[in-house]
Amino acid sequence: QKRLIESEKNASLSGLVAGVAHEINTPVGISVTAASNLIERANGLLNAFKSNRIKKSEFEAQITNMKMSAEMVLSNLDRASDLIRSFKEVSVDQISQQRRRFDMKNYIDEVLMSLTPKLRTANIETILECEENLTIDSYPGAIAQLITNLVMNAIVHAFEDREEGVIKI
């Protein structure tokens, strides 16, 4: 039974790692593209400035585009950072099996965020109804495992013949 539980944890963690890695690639890829665009536009603007052949309206348009690219980079890197933080917290809790105080709603949100790739692929929305600032003293790894198992079982069994669905917690 111990080996079976350990095997199930490892399989769950492996799936989580693969899903999160895939999910992180999207904002990182967008950031790389936006940063490349930013460099290209900055070089073009600099060359036009040096050769004294840029109109005010062109300058404004380039600066506006560069600002939008920088905002896109920042937004997508924030998204990647959030995913990494969520994954790290949930995976450490699943391995450590230590008791601690934590905010239940925020923690379940973290677990659900780590499951986003699977939920998105299955076209399933989650709704979490939990009291704000509900702090409990418990085993977050066990709760993460429970939520993960319930969600994954729902994806596999409850929604197998449907194109979309909602899981309400």
N, C-alpha and C. Protein backbone atom coordinates (compact mmCIF):
# COMPACT_ATOMS: atom_id res chain seq x y z
N GLN A 1 0.83 -1.19 0.00
CA GLN A 1 0.00 0.00 0.00
C GLN A 1 0.87 1.25 0.00
N LYS A 2 1.96 1.21 0.79
CA LYS A 2 2.88 2.35 0.82
C LYS A 2 3.50 2.59 -0.55
N ARG A 3 3.94 1.50 -1.22
CA ARG A 3 4.54 1.61 -2.55
C ARG A 3 3.52 2.13 -3.56
N LEU A 4 2.29 1.69 -3.43
CA LEU A 4 1.25 2.14 -4.35
C LEU A 4 0.99 3.64 -4.17
N ILE A 5 0.93 4.10 -2.93
CA ILE A 5 0.73 5.52 -2.65
C ILE A 5 1.91 6.33 -3.18
N GLU A 6 3.12 5.85 -2.93
CA GLU A 6 4.32 6.54 -3.41
C GLU A 6 4.36 6.59 -4.93
N SER A 7 4.00 5.48 -5.56
CA SER A 7 3.96 5.41 -7.02
C SER A 7 2.93 6.38 -7.59
N GLU A 8 1.78 6.47 -6.92
CA GLU A 8 0.73 7.39 -7.36
C GLU A 8 1.19 8.84 -7.22
N LYS A 9 1.89 9.15 -6.13
CA LYS A 9 2.42 10.50 -5.93
C LYS A 9 3.42 10.84 -7.02
N ASN A 10 4.34 9.91 -7.31
CA ASN A 10 5.35 10.15 -8.34
C ASN A 10 4.72 10.34 -9.71
N ALA A 11 3.71 9.54 -10.02
CA ALA A 11 3.04 9.67 -11.31
C ALA A 11 2.32 11.01 -11.40
N SER A 12 1.68 11.39 -10.30
CA SER A 12 0.97 12.68 -10.26
C SER A 12 1.96 13.83 -10.42
N LEU A 13 3.09 13.73 -9.72
CA LEU A 13 4.11 14.78 -9.79
C LEU A 13 4.73 14.85 -11.19
N SER A 14 4.95 13.70 -11.82
CA SER A 14 5.50 13.69 -13.18
C SER A 14 4.56 14.37 -14.16
N GLY A 15 3.27 14.06 -14.04
CA GLY A 15 2.28 14.69 -14.90
C GLY A 15 2.21 16.18 -14.66
N LEU A 16 2.33 16.56 -13.40
CA LEU A 16 2.32 17.97 -13.03
C LEU A 16 3.52 18.69 -13.62
N VAL A 17 4.70 18.08 -13.53
CA VAL A 17 5.92 18.68 -14.07
C VAL A 17 5.78 18.89 -15.58
N ALA A 18 5.31 17.87 -16.28
CA ALA A 18 5.16 17.97 -17.73
C ALA A 18 4.17 19.06 -18.10
N GLY A 19 3.05 19.10 -17.40
CA GLY A 19 2.03 20.11 -17.68
C GLY A 19 2.50 21.52 -17.40
N VAL A 20 3.17 21.70 -16.27
CA VAL A 20 3.66 23.03 -15.91
C VAL A 20 4.77 23.47 -16.86
N ALA A 21 5.65 22.55 -17.24
CA ALA A 21 6.72 22.90 -18.20
C ALA A 21 6.10 23.37 -19.51
N HIS A 22 5.09 22.65 -19.97
CA HIS A 22 4.40 23.05 -21.21
C HIS A 22 3.74 24.41 -21.04
N GLU A 23 3.10 24.61 -19.90
CA GLU A 23 2.38 25.86 -19.64
C GLU A 23 3.35 27.04 -19.52
N ILE A 24 4.54 26.81 -18.98
CA ILE A 24 5.54 27.88 -18.83
C ILE A 24 6.14 28.24 -20.18
N ASN A 25 6.24 27.28 -21.09
CA ASN A 25 6.80 27.55 -22.41
C ASN A 25 6.02 28.62 -23.16
N THR A 26 4.73 28.69 -22.97
CA THR A 26 3.92 29.67 -23.69
C THR A 26 4.30 31.10 -23.32
N PRO A 27 4.23 31.51 -22.04
CA PRO A 27 4.61 32.89 -21.74
C PRO A 27 6.08 33.19 -22.01
N VAL A 28 6.95 32.20 -21.84
CA VAL A 28 8.37 32.42 -22.13
C VAL A 28 8.56 32.63 -23.64
N GLY A 29 7.89 31.83 -24.45
CA GLY A 29 7.98 31.98 -25.91
C GLY A 29 7.46 33.34 -26.37
N ILE A 30 6.33 33.77 -25.80
CA ILE A 30 5.78 35.09 -26.13
C ILE A 30 6.76 36.18 -25.71
N SER A 31 7.37 36.03 -24.55
CA SER A 31 8.33 37.02 -24.06
C SER A 31 9.54 37.12 -24.97
N VAL A 32 10.05 35.97 -25.43
CA VAL A 32 11.20 35.96 -26.34
C VAL A 32 10.85 36.69 -27.64
N THR A 33 9.66 36.40 -28.18
CA THR A 33 9.23 37.05 -29.42
C THR A 33 9.08 38.56 -29.23
N ALA A 34 8.43 38.95 -28.13
CA ALA A 34 8.23 40.38 -27.86
C ALA A 34 9.55 41.09 -27.62
N ALA A 35 10.48 40.44 -26.90
CA ALA A 35 11.80 41.05 -26.65
C ALA A 35 12.58 41.19 -27.95
N SER A 36 12.48 40.21 -28.84
CA SER A 36 13.15 40.30 -30.14
C SER A 36 12.59 41.46 -30.95
N ASN A 37 11.27 41.60 -30.93
CA ASN A 37 10.61 42.71 -31.61
C ASN A 37 11.09 44.04 -31.03
N LEU A 38 11.20 44.08 -29.72
CA LEU A 38 11.65 45.29 -29.02
C LEU A 38 13.06 45.68 -29.46
N ILE A 39 13.96 44.72 -29.53
CA ILE A 39 15.35 44.98 -29.95
C ILE A 39 15.37 45.46 -31.41
N GLU A 40 14.62 44.79 -32.26
CA GLU A 40 14.57 45.15 -33.68
C GLU A 40 14.06 46.59 -33.85
N ARG A 41 13.00 46.92 -33.16
CA ARG A 41 12.43 48.28 -33.26
C ARG A 41 13.39 49.33 -32.68
N ALA A 42 14.04 48.99 -31.57
CA ALA A 42 14.99 49.93 -30.96
C ALA A 42 16.16 50.19 -31.91
N ASN A 43 16.66 49.14 -32.55
CA ASN A 43 17.75 49.30 -33.52
C ASN A 43 17.31 50.16 -34.71
N GLY A 44 16.10 49.90 -35.21
CA GLY A 44 15.57 50.70 -36.32
C GLY A 44 15.39 52.15 -35.94
N LEU A 45 14.90 52.38 -34.73
CA LEU A 45 14.70 53.75 -34.24
C LEU A 45 16.04 54.46 -34.07
N LEU A 46 17.00 53.76 -33.53
CA LEU A 46 18.33 54.33 -33.33
C LEU A 46 18.98 54.69 -34.68
N ASN A 47 18.89 53.80 -35.65
CA ASN A 47 19.46 54.06 -36.99
C ASN A 47 18.77 55.25 -37.65
N ALA A 48 17.44 55.31 -37.55
CA ALA A 48 16.69 56.43 -38.14
C ALA A 48 17.07 57.74 -37.46
N PHE A 49 17.26 57.69 -36.15
CA PHE A 49 17.65 58.89 -35.40
C PHE A 49 19.05 59.36 -35.80
N LYS A 50 19.99 58.42 -35.88
CA LYS A 50 21.37 58.75 -36.23
C LYS A 50 21.47 59.36 -37.63
N SER A 51 20.65 58.87 -38.54
CA SER A 51 20.70 59.40 -39.90
C SER A 51 19.74 60.57 -40.09
N ASN A 52 19.14 60.99 -38.99
CA ASN A 52 18.26 62.15 -38.99
C ASN A 52 17.11 62.02 -40.02
N ARG A 53 16.53 60.84 -40.10
CA ARG A 53 15.46 60.62 -41.05
C ARG A 53 14.23 59.97 -40.40
N ILE A 54 13.78 60.55 -39.31
CA ILE A 54 12.57 60.03 -38.66
C ILE A 54 11.61 61.17 -38.35
N LYS A 55 10.37 60.96 -38.67
CA LYS A 55 9.33 61.95 -38.40
C LYS A 55 8.83 61.76 -36.97
N LYS A 56 8.27 62.82 -36.44
CA LYS A 56 7.75 62.78 -35.08
C LYS A 56 6.68 61.69 -34.94
N SER A 57 5.78 61.60 -35.91
CA SER A 57 4.70 60.60 -35.85
C SER A 57 5.26 59.17 -35.90
N GLU A 58 6.31 58.97 -36.70
CA GLU A 58 6.96 57.66 -36.77
C GLU A 58 7.63 57.32 -35.45
N PHE A 59 8.29 58.32 -34.88
CA PHE A 59 8.95 58.15 -33.59
C PHE A 59 7.94 57.73 -32.53
N GLU A 60 6.80 58.45 -32.48
CA GLU A 60 5.75 58.13 -31.51
C GLU A 60 5.22 56.71 -31.71
N ALA A 61 4.99 56.34 -32.96
CA ALA A 61 4.47 55.00 -33.26
C ALA A 61 5.45 53.93 -32.81
N GLN A 62 6.73 54.14 -33.05
CA GLN A 62 7.76 53.17 -32.65
C GLN A 62 7.84 53.05 -31.12
N ILE A 63 7.82 54.19 -30.45
CA ILE A 63 7.89 54.18 -28.98
C ILE A 63 6.66 53.48 -28.40
N THR A 64 5.49 53.75 -28.96
CA THR A 64 4.26 53.11 -28.50
C THR A 64 4.35 51.60 -28.69
N ASN A 65 4.84 51.15 -29.84
CA ASN A 65 5.01 49.73 -30.11
C ASN A 65 6.01 49.10 -29.14
N MET A 66 7.10 49.81 -28.89
CA MET A 66 8.12 49.30 -27.97
C MET A 66 7.56 49.18 -26.56
N LYS A 67 6.77 50.15 -26.15
CA LYS A 67 6.14 50.11 -24.82
C LYS A 67 5.21 48.90 -24.71
N MET A 68 4.41 48.66 -25.76
CA MET A 68 3.50 47.52 -25.76
C MET A 68 4.28 46.20 -25.71
N SER A 69 5.39 46.12 -26.41
CA SER A 69 6.22 44.91 -26.39
C SER A 69 6.80 44.69 -25.00
N ALA A 70 7.28 45.76 -24.37
CA ALA A 70 7.84 45.64 -23.02
C ALA A 70 6.77 45.20 -22.02
N GLU A 71 5.56 45.74 -22.15
CA GLU A 71 4.45 45.35 -21.27
C GLU A 71 4.09 43.88 -21.48
N MET A 72 4.16 43.43 -22.73
CA MET A 72 3.87 42.03 -23.04
C MET A 72 4.91 41.11 -22.41
N VAL A 73 6.17 41.51 -22.49
CA VAL A 73 7.25 40.73 -21.87
C VAL A 73 7.01 40.63 -20.37
N LEU A 74 6.76 41.77 -19.73
CA LEU A 74 6.56 41.79 -18.29
C LEU A 74 5.35 40.96 -17.88
N SER A 75 4.25 41.11 -18.57
CA SER A 75 3.03 40.36 -18.25
C SER A 75 3.25 38.86 -18.37
N ASN A 76 3.92 38.43 -19.43
CA ASN A 76 4.13 37.00 -19.63
C ASN A 76 5.17 36.43 -18.68
N LEU A 77 6.17 37.22 -18.32
CA LEU A 77 7.14 36.75 -17.34
C LEU A 77 6.51 36.66 -15.95
N ASP A 78 5.60 37.59 -15.64
CA ASP A 78 4.84 37.50 -14.38
C ASP A 78 4.02 36.21 -14.35
N ARG A 79 3.39 35.88 -15.47
CA ARG A 79 2.58 34.65 -15.57
C ARG A 79 3.47 33.43 -15.35
N ALA A 80 4.62 33.40 -16.00
CA ALA A 80 5.55 32.27 -15.84
C ALA A 80 6.01 32.18 -14.39
N SER A 81 6.31 33.31 -13.78
CA SER A 81 6.75 33.35 -12.39
C SER A 81 5.67 32.81 -11.46
N ASP A 82 4.42 33.20 -11.69
CA ASP A 82 3.30 32.69 -10.88
C ASP A 82 3.17 31.17 -11.01
N LEU A 83 3.29 30.68 -12.23
CA LEU A 83 3.20 29.23 -12.45
C LEU A 83 4.32 28.49 -11.73
N ILE A 84 5.52 29.02 -11.82
CA ILE A 84 6.67 28.38 -11.16
C ILE A 84 6.49 28.39 -9.64
N ARG A 85 6.05 29.53 -9.11
CA ARG A 85 5.83 29.63 -7.66
C ARG A 85 4.77 28.63 -7.20
N SER A 86 3.66 28.57 -7.92
CA SER A 86 2.58 27.63 -7.57
C SER A 86 3.08 26.20 -7.62
N PHE A 87 3.75 25.87 -8.71
CA PHE A 87 4.26 24.52 -8.87
C PHE A 87 5.23 24.16 -7.75
N LYS A 88 6.13 25.08 -7.45
CA LYS A 88 7.14 24.83 -6.42
C LYS A 88 6.48 24.58 -5.07
N GLU A 89 5.53 25.42 -4.72
CA GLU A 89 4.87 25.28 -3.42
C GLU A 89 4.11 23.97 -3.33
N VAL A 90 3.34 23.67 -4.35
CA VAL A 90 2.54 22.45 -4.33
C VAL A 90 3.42 21.20 -4.35
N SER A 91 4.45 21.19 -5.19
CA SER A 91 5.29 20.00 -5.28
C SER A 91 6.10 19.79 -4.00
N VAL A 92 6.59 20.85 -3.39
CA VAL A 92 7.33 20.72 -2.13
C VAL A 92 6.41 20.17 -1.05
N ASP A 93 5.17 20.68 -0.99
CA ASP A 93 4.22 20.19 0.01
C ASP A 93 3.90 18.71 -0.20
N GLN A 94 3.80 18.28 -1.46
CA GLN A 94 3.47 16.87 -1.72
C GLN A 94 4.61 15.95 -1.29
N ILE A 95 5.83 16.45 -1.38
CA ILE A 95 6.98 15.62 -1.01
C ILE A 95 7.23 15.66 0.50
N SER A 96 7.12 16.83 1.11
CA SER A 96 7.54 17.00 2.51
C SER A 96 6.60 16.37 3.53
N GLN A 97 5.30 16.36 3.26
CA GLN A 97 4.31 15.81 4.18
C GLN A 97 4.40 16.43 5.58
N GLN A 98 4.70 17.73 5.64
CA GLN A 98 4.79 18.40 6.94
C GLN A 98 3.53 19.20 7.21
N ARG A 99 3.22 19.29 8.47
CA ARG A 99 2.06 20.06 8.92
C ARG A 99 2.48 21.52 9.04
N ARG A 100 1.58 22.42 8.60
CA ARG A 100 1.85 23.86 8.75
C ARG A 100 0.54 24.62 8.63
N ARG A 101 0.59 25.91 8.97
CA ARG A 101 -0.58 26.79 8.83
C ARG A 101 -0.56 27.38 7.43
N PHE A 102 -1.74 27.42 6.79
CA PHE A 102 -1.82 28.01 5.45
C PHE A 102 -3.24 28.48 5.18
N ASP A 103 -3.35 29.39 4.23
CA ASP A 103 -4.64 29.92 3.80
C ASP A 103 -5.25 28.92 2.82
N MET A 104 -6.37 28.35 3.19
CA MET A 104 -6.99 27.28 2.42
C MET A 104 -7.36 27.71 1.00
N LYS A 105 -8.02 28.85 0.87
CA LYS A 105 -8.47 29.31 -0.46
C LYS A 105 -7.27 29.55 -1.37
N ASN A 106 -6.28 30.27 -0.88
CA ASN A 106 -5.09 30.54 -1.69
C ASN A 106 -4.38 29.24 -2.08
N TYR A 107 -4.34 28.31 -1.14
CA TYR A 107 -3.63 27.06 -1.42
C TYR A 107 -4.36 26.24 -2.49
N ILE A 108 -5.67 26.15 -2.37
CA ILE A 108 -6.43 25.40 -3.39
C ILE A 108 -6.28 26.09 -4.74
N ASP A 109 -6.28 27.44 -4.74
CA ASP A 109 -6.03 28.18 -5.99
C ASP A 109 -4.68 27.79 -6.60
N GLU A 110 -3.65 27.66 -5.74
CA GLU A 110 -2.32 27.26 -6.20
C GLU A 110 -2.36 25.86 -6.83
N VAL A 111 -3.06 24.95 -6.17
CA VAL A 111 -3.16 23.58 -6.69
C VAL A 111 -3.88 23.61 -8.04
N LEU A 112 -4.98 24.35 -8.11
CA LEU A 112 -5.73 24.43 -9.37
C LEU A 112 -4.90 25.09 -10.47
N MET A 113 -4.08 26.09 -10.11
CA MET A 113 -3.22 26.73 -11.11
C MET A 113 -2.21 25.72 -11.65
N SER A 114 -1.71 24.86 -10.78
CA SER A 114 -0.76 23.85 -11.24
C SER A 114 -1.43 22.81 -12.14
N LEU A 115 -2.75 22.70 -12.05
CA LEU A 115 -3.50 21.75 -12.89
C LEU A 115 -4.06 22.41 -14.15
N THR A 116 -3.78 23.69 -14.33
CA THR A 116 -4.31 24.43 -15.48
C THR A 116 -4.07 23.75 -16.82
N PRO A 117 -2.88 23.21 -17.09
CA PRO A 117 -2.68 22.57 -18.40
C PRO A 117 -3.68 21.44 -18.66
N LYS A 118 -3.90 20.60 -17.67
CA LYS A 118 -4.84 19.49 -17.83
C LYS A 118 -6.26 19.99 -17.97
N LEU A 119 -6.61 20.99 -17.16
CA LEU A 119 -7.97 21.54 -17.21
C LEU A 119 -8.23 22.22 -18.55
N ARG A 120 -7.25 22.96 -19.03
CA ARG A 120 -7.40 23.66 -20.31
C ARG A 120 -7.53 22.68 -21.46
N THR A 121 -6.71 21.63 -21.44
CA THR A 121 -6.77 20.62 -22.49
C THR A 121 -8.14 19.94 -22.52
N ALA A 122 -8.70 19.69 -21.35
CA ALA A 122 -10.01 19.04 -21.25
C ALA A 122 -11.16 20.03 -21.39
N ASN A 123 -10.84 21.33 -21.49
CA ASN A 123 -11.84 22.39 -21.61
C ASN A 123 -12.78 22.40 -20.40
N ILE A 124 -12.17 22.36 -19.22
CA ILE A 124 -12.93 22.33 -17.98
C ILE A 124 -12.61 23.57 -17.15
N GLU A 125 -13.67 24.22 -16.71
CA GLU A 125 -13.56 25.41 -15.87
C GLU A 125 -13.67 24.96 -14.42
N THR A 126 -12.96 25.66 -13.54
CA THR A 126 -13.11 25.37 -12.11
C THR A 126 -13.70 26.58 -11.41
N ILE A 127 -14.54 26.31 -10.43
CA ILE A 127 -15.11 27.34 -9.59
C ILE A 127 -14.78 26.96 -8.15
N LEU A 128 -14.12 27.85 -7.45
CA LEU A 128 -13.76 27.59 -6.06
C LEU A 128 -14.57 28.49 -5.15
N GLU A 129 -15.35 27.89 -4.27
CA GLU A 129 -16.08 28.64 -3.26
C GLU A 129 -15.48 28.29 -1.91
N CYS A 130 -14.74 29.22 -1.36
CA CYS A 130 -14.07 28.99 -0.09
C CYS A 130 -14.02 30.32 0.66
N GLU A 131 -14.21 30.25 1.93
CA GLU A 131 -14.17 31.45 2.77
C GLU A 131 -12.81 32.14 2.63
N GLU A 132 -12.85 33.45 2.46
CA GLU A 132 -11.61 34.23 2.38
C GLU A 132 -10.89 34.17 3.73
N ASN A 133 -9.57 34.15 3.68
CA ASN A 133 -8.72 34.17 4.88
C ASN A 133 -9.01 33.02 5.84
N LEU A 134 -9.37 31.87 5.31
CA LEU A 134 -9.58 30.68 6.13
C LEU A 134 -8.23 30.02 6.34
N THR A 135 -7.63 30.24 7.50
CA THR A 135 -6.32 29.68 7.81
C THR A 135 -6.52 28.39 8.59
N ILE A 136 -5.85 27.34 8.12
CA ILE A 136 -5.95 26.07 8.83
C ILE A 136 -4.56 25.55 9.15
N ASP A 137 -4.50 24.68 10.13
CA ASP A 137 -3.26 24.01 10.52
C ASP A 137 -3.43 22.56 10.13
N SER A 138 -2.77 22.16 9.04
CA SER A 138 -2.97 20.82 8.52
C SER A 138 -1.80 20.41 7.65
N TYR A 139 -2.04 19.42 6.82
CA TYR A 139 -1.03 18.87 5.92
C TYR A 139 -1.36 19.29 4.49
N PRO A 140 -0.75 20.37 4.00
CA PRO A 140 -1.10 20.86 2.66
C PRO A 140 -0.81 19.86 1.55
N GLY A 141 0.21 19.03 1.73
CA GLY A 141 0.53 18.03 0.71
C GLY A 141 -0.61 17.04 0.52
N ALA A 142 -1.23 16.65 1.63
CA ALA A 142 -2.36 15.72 1.54
C ALA A 142 -3.55 16.39 0.87
N ILE A 143 -3.76 17.65 1.17
CA ILE A 143 -4.86 18.39 0.54
C ILE A 143 -4.59 18.56 -0.96
N ALA A 144 -3.34 18.87 -1.30
CA ALA A 144 -2.98 18.99 -2.72
C ALA A 144 -3.21 17.67 -3.44
N GLN A 145 -2.83 16.58 -2.81
CA GLN A 145 -3.02 15.26 -3.40
C GLN A 145 -4.50 14.96 -3.57
N LEU A 146 -5.28 15.30 -2.57
CA LEU A 146 -6.72 15.06 -2.62
C LEU A 146 -7.37 15.86 -3.76
N ILE A 147 -7.09 17.15 -3.82
CA ILE A 147 -7.66 18.01 -4.87
C ILE A 147 -7.20 17.53 -6.25
N THR A 148 -5.90 17.22 -6.37
CA THR A 148 -5.36 16.74 -7.63
C THR A 148 -6.05 15.46 -8.08
N ASN A 149 -6.19 14.51 -7.16
CA ASN A 149 -6.84 13.24 -7.51
C ASN A 149 -8.30 13.45 -7.90
N LEU A 150 -9.01 14.27 -7.15
CA LEU A 150 -10.42 14.53 -7.47
C LEU A 150 -10.57 15.17 -8.85
N VAL A 151 -9.74 16.18 -9.11
CA VAL A 151 -9.81 16.87 -10.40
C VAL A 151 -9.43 15.93 -11.54
N MET A 152 -8.33 15.19 -11.38
CA MET A 152 -7.90 14.29 -12.44
C MET A 152 -8.91 13.17 -12.68
N ASN A 153 -9.49 12.64 -11.61
CA ASN A 153 -10.53 11.61 -11.78
C ASN A 153 -11.76 12.20 -12.46
N ALA A 154 -12.12 13.42 -12.12
CA ALA A 154 -13.26 14.07 -12.77
C ALA A 154 -12.98 14.27 -14.26
N ILE A 155 -11.77 14.70 -14.59
CA ILE A 155 -11.41 14.89 -16.00
C ILE A 155 -11.53 13.57 -16.77
N VAL A 156 -11.00 12.51 -16.17
CA VAL A 156 -10.99 11.22 -16.85
C VAL A 156 -12.37 10.57 -16.89
N HIS A 157 -13.11 10.62 -15.78
CA HIS A 157 -14.34 9.84 -15.70
C HIS A 157 -15.63 10.66 -15.85
N ALA A 158 -15.68 11.82 -15.26
CA ALA A 158 -16.94 12.59 -15.28
C ALA A 158 -17.16 13.31 -16.61
N PHE A 159 -16.08 13.63 -17.31
CA PHE A 159 -16.21 14.43 -18.52
C PHE A 159 -15.73 13.70 -19.77
N GLU A 160 -15.65 12.38 -19.70
CA GLU A 160 -15.07 11.63 -20.82
C GLU A 160 -15.85 11.76 -22.12
N ASP A 161 -17.17 11.95 -22.05
CA ASP A 161 -17.97 12.06 -23.27
C ASP A 161 -18.46 13.49 -23.52
N ARG A 162 -17.81 14.46 -22.92
CA ARG A 162 -18.23 15.85 -23.07
C ARG A 162 -17.08 16.69 -23.60
N GLU A 163 -17.45 17.77 -24.28
CA GLU A 163 -16.43 18.67 -24.83
C GLU A 163 -16.01 19.74 -23.85
N GLU A 164 -16.80 19.97 -22.81
CA GLU A 164 -16.46 20.97 -21.79
C GLU A 164 -17.18 20.63 -20.50
N GLY A 165 -16.78 21.31 -19.44
CA GLY A 165 -17.41 21.05 -18.15
C GLY A 165 -16.98 22.04 -17.10
N VAL A 166 -17.58 21.89 -15.93
CA VAL A 166 -17.28 22.75 -14.79
C VAL A 166 -17.08 21.87 -13.56
N ILE A 167 -16.00 22.14 -12.83
CA ILE A 167 -15.78 21.47 -11.55
C ILE A 167 -15.92 22.56 -10.48
N LYS A 168 -16.85 22.32 -9.56
CA LYS A 168 -17.09 23.29 -8.49
C LYS A 168 -16.58 22.71 -7.17
N ILE A 169 -15.70 23.46 -6.54
CA ILE A 169 -15.13 23.02 -5.25
C ILE A 169 -15.60 23.99 -4.19
